[in-house]
C-alpha atoms as a PDB file:
ATOM      1  CA  MET A   1     -56.132   2.067  29.396  1.00  0.00           C
ATOM      2  CA  ARG A   2     -55.931   5.445  31.135  1.00  0.00           C
ATOM      3  CA  ALA A   3     -52.943   7.546  31.802  1.00  0.00           C
ATOM      4  CA  VAL A   4     -52.278  10.831  33.651  1.00  0.00           C
ATOM      5  CA  ALA A   5     -49.288  12.408  31.989  1.00  0.00           C
ATOM      6  CA  GLN A   6     -47.697  15.320  33.845  1.00  0.00           C
ATOM      7  CA  ARG A   7     -45.070  17.567  32.331  1.00  0.00           C
ATOM      8  CA  VAL A   8     -42.180  17.593  34.869  1.00  0.00           C
ATOM      9  CA  SER A   9     -38.667  19.126  35.488  1.00  0.00           C
ATOM     10  CA  GLU A  10     -37.888  16.137  37.641  1.00  0.00           C
ATOM     11  CA  ALA A  11     -39.669  13.171  39.112  1.00  0.00           C
ATOM     12  CA  SER A  12     -38.719  10.165  41.265  1.00  0.00           C
ATOM     13  CA  VAL A  13     -40.312   7.192  43.035  1.00  0.00           C
ATOM     14  CA  VAL A  14     -39.112   5.621  46.310  1.00  0.00           C
ATOM     15  CA  VAL A  15     -40.010   2.192  47.599  1.00  0.00           C
ATOM     16  CA  ASP A  16     -38.920   1.324  51.226  1.00  0.00           C
ATOM     17  CA  GLY A  17     -36.445   4.086  51.205  1.00  0.00           C
ATOM     18  CA  GLU A  18     -34.843   3.131  47.962  1.00  0.00           C
ATOM     19  CA  THR A  19     -35.146   5.378  44.829  1.00  0.00           C
ATOM     20  CA  VAL A  20     -36.301   2.821  42.079  1.00  0.00           C
ATOM     21  CA  GLY A  21     -36.959   5.385  39.403  1.00  0.00           C
ATOM     22  CA  GLU A  22     -35.864   8.993  38.760  1.00  0.00           C
ATOM     23  CA  ILE A  23     -35.885  11.375  35.760  1.00  0.00           C
ATOM     24  CA  VAL A  24     -34.506  14.847  35.209  1.00  0.00           C
ATOM     25  CA  GLY A  25     -36.658  16.630  32.486  1.00  0.00           C
ATOM     26  CA  PRO A  26     -38.114  18.104  30.628  1.00  0.00           C
ATOM     27  CA  GLY A  27     -39.984  14.890  30.488  1.00  0.00           C
ATOM     28  CA  LEU A  28     -43.307  13.174  31.635  1.00  0.00           C
ATOM     29  CA  CYS A  29     -44.260  11.447  34.832  1.00  0.00           C
ATOM     30  CA  VAL A  30     -47.132   9.077  33.750  1.00  0.00           C
ATOM     31  CA  LEU A  31     -49.580   7.178  36.019  1.00  0.00           C
ATOM     32  CA  VAL A  32     -50.949   4.206  34.146  1.00  0.00           C
ATOM     33  CA  GLY A  33     -54.204   2.461  34.903  1.00  0.00           C
ATOM     34  CA  VAL A  34     -55.536  -0.743  33.236  1.00  0.00           C
ATOM     35  CA  THR A  35     -59.113  -1.968  33.072  1.00  0.00           C
ATOM     36  CA  HIS A  36     -60.613  -5.329  32.169  1.00  0.00           C
ATOM     37  CA  ASP A  37     -60.784  -5.022  28.324  1.00  0.00           C
ATOM     38  CA  ASP A  38     -57.323  -3.610  27.811  1.00  0.00           C
ATOM     39  CA  THR A  39     -54.954  -5.419  25.397  1.00  0.00           C
ATOM     40  CA  PRO A  40     -51.271  -5.276  24.276  1.00  0.00           C
ATOM     41  CA  ASP A  41     -52.415  -3.306  21.178  1.00  0.00           C
ATOM     42  CA  LYS A  42     -53.875  -0.667  23.601  1.00  0.00           C
ATOM     43  CA  ALA A  43     -50.706  -0.605  25.422  1.00  0.00           C
ATOM     44  CA  ALA A  44     -48.780   0.005  22.089  1.00  0.00           C
ATOM     45  CA  GLN A  45     -51.200   2.653  21.278  1.00  0.00           C
ATOM     46  CA  LEU A  46     -50.712   4.500  24.689  1.00  0.00           C
ATOM     47  CA  ALA A  47     -46.944   4.210  24.315  1.00  0.00           C
ATOM     48  CA  ARG A  48     -46.956   5.868  20.923  1.00  0.00           C
ATOM     49  CA  LYS A  49     -49.296   8.504  22.192  1.00  0.00           C
ATOM     50  CA  LEU A  50     -47.117   9.425  25.324  1.00  0.00           C
ATOM     51  CA  TRP A  51     -43.934   9.410  23.103  1.00  0.00           C
ATOM     52  CA  SER A  52     -45.322  11.862  20.608  1.00  0.00           C
ATOM     53  CA  LEU A  53     -47.559  14.039  22.823  1.00  0.00           C
ATOM     54  CA  ARG A  54     -46.637  17.595  22.214  1.00  0.00           C
ATOM     55  CA  ILE A  55     -46.872  18.955  25.905  1.00  0.00           C
ATOM     56  CA  LEU A  56     -43.267  19.759  26.632  1.00  0.00           C
ATOM     57  CA  PRO A  57     -42.029  23.440  26.427  1.00  0.00           C
ATOM     58  CA  GLY A  58     -42.118  24.739  22.896  1.00  0.00           C
ATOM     59  CA  GLU A  59     -44.880  22.336  21.974  1.00  0.00           C
ATOM     60  CA  LYS A  60     -42.266  19.548  21.899  1.00  0.00           C
ATOM     61  CA  SER A  61     -42.767  15.871  22.552  1.00  0.00           C
ATOM     62  CA  CYS A  62     -40.585  13.503  24.306  1.00  0.00           C
ATOM     63  CA  SER A  63     -39.516  12.148  20.905  1.00  0.00           C
ATOM     64  CA  ASP A  64     -38.604  15.493  19.775  1.00  0.00           C
ATOM     65  CA  VAL A  65     -36.171  16.257  22.645  1.00  0.00           C
ATOM     66  CA  SER A  66     -35.232  12.765  24.021  1.00  0.00           C
ATOM     67  CA  GLY A  67     -37.376  13.600  27.045  1.00  0.00           C
ATOM     68  CA  PRO A  68     -37.352  10.894  29.592  1.00  0.00           C
ATOM     69  CA  LEU A  69     -40.581   9.149  31.072  1.00  0.00           C
ATOM     70  CA  LEU A  70     -41.193   7.922  34.707  1.00  0.00           C
ATOM     71  CA  VAL A  71     -44.077   5.342  34.187  1.00  0.00           C
ATOM     72  CA  ILE A  72     -45.865   4.207  37.421  1.00  0.00           C
ATOM     73  CA  SER A  73     -48.784   1.771  37.738  1.00  0.00           C
ATOM     74  CA  GLN A  74     -51.916   3.310  39.269  1.00  0.00           C
ATOM     75  CA  PHE A  75     -54.987   1.165  39.626  1.00  0.00           C
ATOM     76  CA  THR A  76     -56.841   3.937  41.364  1.00  0.00           C
ATOM     77  CA  LEU A  77     -57.118   5.755  38.148  1.00  0.00           C
ATOM     78  CA  TYR A  78     -60.231   3.501  37.578  1.00  0.00           C
ATOM     79  CA  GLY A  79     -61.763   4.225  41.019  1.00  0.00           C
ATOM     80  CA  ASP A  80     -65.275   5.297  40.984  1.00  0.00           C
ATOM     81  CA  ALA A  81     -66.461   7.777  43.665  1.00  0.00           C
ATOM     82  CA  ARG A  82     -69.598   8.809  42.235  1.00  0.00           C
ATOM     83  CA  LYS A  83     -71.790   6.965  44.925  1.00  0.00           C
ATOM     84  CA  GLY A  84     -71.189   7.094  48.614  1.00  0.00           C
ATOM     85  CA  ARG A  85     -67.983   8.114  50.307  1.00  0.00           C
ATOM     86  CA  ARG A  86     -65.824   5.186  49.601  1.00  0.00           C
ATOM     87  CA  PRO A  87     -64.527   4.578  45.947  1.00  0.00           C
ATOM     88  CA  THR A  88     -65.155   1.239  44.217  1.00  0.00           C
ATOM     89  CA  TRP A  89     -62.279  -0.375  42.179  1.00  0.00           C
ATOM     90  CA  ASN A  90     -64.467  -2.697  40.100  1.00  0.00           C
ATOM     91  CA  ALA A  91     -63.327  -1.130  36.804  1.00  0.00           C
ATOM     92  CA  ALA A  92     -59.541  -1.565  37.744  1.00  0.00           C
ATOM     93  CA  ALA A  93     -57.960  -4.850  36.167  1.00  0.00           C
ATOM     94  CA  PRO A  94     -56.489  -7.346  38.773  1.00  0.00           C
ATOM     95  CA  GLY A  95     -52.697  -7.271  39.025  1.00  0.00           C
ATOM     96  CA  GLU A  96     -52.188 -10.431  37.017  1.00  0.00           C
ATOM     97  CA  VAL A  97     -53.893  -8.670  34.140  1.00  0.00           C
ATOM     98  CA  ALA A  98     -52.518  -5.236  34.630  1.00  0.00           C
ATOM     99  CA  GLU A  99     -48.920  -5.793  35.275  1.00  0.00           C
ATOM    100  CA  PRO A 100     -47.995  -7.289  31.931  1.00  0.00           C
ATOM    101  CA  LEU A 101     -49.891  -4.385  30.160  1.00  0.00           C
ATOM    102  CA  VAL A 102     -47.937  -1.712  32.159  1.00  0.00           C
ATOM    103  CA  GLU A 103     -44.734  -3.479  31.381  1.00  0.00           C
ATOM    104  CA  GLU A 104     -45.967  -3.598  27.617  1.00  0.00           C
ATOM    105  CA  VAL A 105     -46.277   0.208  27.695  1.00  0.00           C
ATOM    106  CA  VAL A 106     -42.758   0.464  29.084  1.00  0.00           C
ATOM    107  CA  ALA A 107     -41.330  -1.963  26.639  1.00  0.00           C
ATOM    108  CA  ARG A 108     -43.077  -0.244  23.670  1.00  0.00           C
ATOM    109  CA  LEU A 109     -41.667   3.235  24.773  1.00  0.00           C
ATOM    110  CA  ARG A 110     -38.245   1.735  25.057  1.00  0.00           C
ATOM    111  CA  GLU A 111     -38.568   0.297  21.415  1.00  0.00           C
ATOM    112  CA  LEU A 112     -39.464   3.709  20.323  1.00  0.00           C
ATOM    113  CA  GLY A 113     -36.259   5.042  21.756  1.00  0.00           C
ATOM    114  CA  ALA A 114     -37.493   6.416  25.056  1.00  0.00           C
ATOM    115  CA  HIS A 115     -35.478   6.463  28.314  1.00  0.00           C
ATOM    116  CA  VAL A 116     -37.960   5.111  30.612  1.00  0.00           C
ATOM    117  CA  GLU A 117     -37.779   4.782  34.556  1.00  0.00           C
ATOM    118  CA  THR A 118     -40.545   2.868  36.403  1.00  0.00           C
ATOM    119  CA  GLY A 119     -41.859   2.312  39.786  1.00  0.00           C
ATOM    120  CA  ARG A 120     -42.353  -1.138  41.332  1.00  0.00           C
ATOM    121  CA  PHE A 121     -45.825  -2.788  40.578  1.00  0.00           C
ATOM    122  CA  GLY A 122     -47.858  -3.332  43.568  1.00  0.00           C
ATOM    123  CA  ALA A 123     -45.589  -1.739  45.927  1.00  0.00           C
ATOM    124  CA  ASP A 124     -46.277   1.226  48.433  1.00  0.00           C
ATOM    125  CA  MET A 125     -44.555   3.944  46.215  1.00  0.00           C
ATOM    126  CA  LYS A 126     -43.757   7.548  47.302  1.00  0.00           C
ATOM    127  CA  VAL A 127     -43.826   9.642  44.174  1.00  0.00           C
ATOM    128  CA  SER A 128     -42.227  13.218  44.121  1.00  0.00           C
ATOM    129  CA  LEU A 129     -42.306  15.524  41.089  1.00  0.00           C
ATOM    130  CA  THR A 130     -42.108  18.935  40.080  1.00  0.00           C
ATOM    131  CA  ASN A 131     -44.908  19.627  37.675  1.00  0.00           C
ATOM    132  CA  ASP A 132     -43.686  22.128  35.079  1.00  0.00           C
ATOM    133  CA  GLY A 133     -46.527  24.528  34.290  1.00  0.00           C
ATOM    134  CA  PRO A 134     -48.493  22.955  35.878  1.00  0.00           C
ATOM    135  CA  PHE A 135     -49.476  20.751  32.930  1.00  0.00           C
ATOM    136  CA  THR A 136     -51.460  17.624  33.240  1.00  0.00           C
ATOM    137  CA  VAL A 137     -53.329  15.603  30.640  1.00  0.00           C
ATOM    138  CA  VAL A 138     -55.637  12.635  31.080  1.00  0.00           C
ATOM    139  CA  ILE A 139     -55.428  10.162  28.237  1.00  0.00           C
ATOM    140  CA  ASP A 140     -58.007   7.310  27.580  1.00  0.00           C
ATOM    141  CA  ILE A 141     -57.155   4.662  25.030  1.00  0.00           C
END
């Protein structure tokens, strides 16, 4: 699994003009990509990492300050643009594999006590955020 975690003061995701997820920070906006060999165990590991990642102000984590997370599926994190001008998506897991694993990350975060908002899997989403810092970390599990 791959995630891009951004420290935010606010973030939201809109689908067809409707806000489907919104947080006010300090918190994290997290884009999550799934590849073919990912498992529920990797999803749980990613959730624990995100919940305890000390990148909020004062080297705090979401678990330290009850910081919210906005989790959004993002298959393009596994795009490969090393050759040519058009990325390939071969490393990205298909929707029927990826969707349950993204949902597993969200469920595990909630089990840990996190307030989690989400996008809508497979939808054309408009994501807005205020990156605080800016501070962005790529996490591979």
